[in-house]
């Protein structure tokens, strides 16, 4: 069920151009390893230029495990 919902959401976001260029992790060609390399490059440049770095990282890996699936199905049926 999670795969069906994920595929539906990904398809909608891709065709509606809703993903930020900073989105990594579950898109083809946008791995978390690529994200780490990208951000390390930005942080290194900021520090070399005397800047400061403030970050907040979140992990939504188990997000769908916490949401009632019957409510998700109801919402997708309304679309």
Protein backbone atom coordinates (compact mmCIF):
# COMPACT_ATOMS: atom_id res chain seq x y z
CA UNK A 1 0.00 0.00 0.00
CA UNK A 2 2.82 2.41 0.87
CA UNK A 3 4.43 1.84 -2.54
CA UNK A 4 1.16 2.69 -4.32
CA UNK A 5 0.75 5.92 -2.36
CA UNK A 6 4.42 6.85 -2.80
CA UNK A 7 4.27 6.29 -6.58
CA UNK A 8 1.10 8.39 -6.84
CA UNK A 9 2.64 11.25 -4.87
CA UNK A 10 5.95 11.13 -6.76
CA UNK A 11 4.13 11.15 -10.11
CA UNK A 12 2.00 14.13 -9.06
CA UNK A 13 4.98 16.10 -7.70
CA UNK A 14 7.14 15.41 -10.76
CA UNK A 15 4.45 16.39 -13.26
CA UNK A 16 3.49 19.47 -11.25
CA UNK A 17 7.14 20.54 -10.80
CA UNK A 18 6.70 20.66 -7.01
CA UNK A 19 10.07 19.24 -5.96
CA UNK A 20 12.70 21.70 -4.87
CA UNK A 21 16.13 21.45 -6.50
CA UNK A 22 17.29 20.76 -2.93
CA UNK A 23 15.16 17.59 -2.61
CA UNK A 24 17.26 14.44 -2.21
CA UNK A 25 16.71 10.93 -0.93
CA UNK A 26 13.96 9.21 -2.86
CA UNK A 27 14.23 10.55 -6.39
CA UNK A 28 16.18 8.88 -9.18
CA UNK A 29 19.56 10.52 -9.56
CA UNK A 30 19.17 12.40 -6.25
CA UNK A 31 20.61 10.03 -3.67
CA UNK A 32 21.37 10.88 -0.07
CA UNK A 33 25.06 10.37 -0.85
CA UNK A 34 24.85 13.06 -3.55
CA UNK A 35 23.10 15.32 -1.05
CA UNK A 36 25.90 14.84 1.48
CA UNK A 37 28.55 15.65 -1.11
CA UNK A 38 26.62 18.73 -2.23
CA UNK A 39 26.11 20.08 1.28
CA UNK A 40 29.72 19.38 2.31
CA UNK A 41 30.83 21.47 -0.66
CA UNK A 42 28.55 24.33 0.40
CA UNK A 43 29.64 24.14 4.06
CA UNK A 44 33.31 24.05 3.14
CA UNK A 45 32.91 27.15 0.97
CA UNK A 46 30.99 28.95 3.72
CA UNK A 47 33.59 28.15 6.36
CA UNK A 48 36.47 29.13 4.09
CA UNK A 49 34.79 32.50 3.61
CA UNK A 50 34.38 33.03 7.36
CA UNK A 51 30.68 32.11 7.39
CA UNK A 52 28.58 30.33 9.97
CA UNK A 53 26.56 27.13 9.47
CA UNK A 54 23.23 26.42 11.19
CA UNK A 55 21.38 23.24 10.23
CA UNK A 56 18.31 21.16 11.08
CA UNK A 57 17.98 17.66 9.64
CA UNK A 58 14.78 15.64 9.80
CA UNK A 59 14.11 12.01 8.92
CA UNK A 60 10.66 11.05 7.70
CA UNK A 61 11.53 7.42 6.91
CA UNK A 62 8.75 6.02 9.08
CA UNK A 63 6.21 8.76 8.40
CA UNK A 64 3.76 6.49 6.58
CA UNK A 65 3.91 3.96 9.43
CA UNK A 66 2.36 6.55 11.73
CA UNK A 67 -0.49 7.69 9.44
CA UNK A 68 -3.80 5.75 9.29
CA UNK A 69 -3.83 4.22 5.80
CA UNK A 70 -7.61 4.37 5.49
CA UNK A 71 -7.43 8.18 5.78
CA UNK A 72 -4.78 8.36 3.06
CA UNK A 73 -6.95 6.26 0.75
CA UNK A 74 -9.92 8.51 1.43
CA UNK A 75 -7.86 11.63 0.62
CA UNK A 76 -6.46 10.17 -2.63
CA UNK A 77 -9.98 9.14 -3.70
CA UNK A 78 -11.07 12.78 -3.28
CA UNK A 79 -8.40 13.98 -5.72
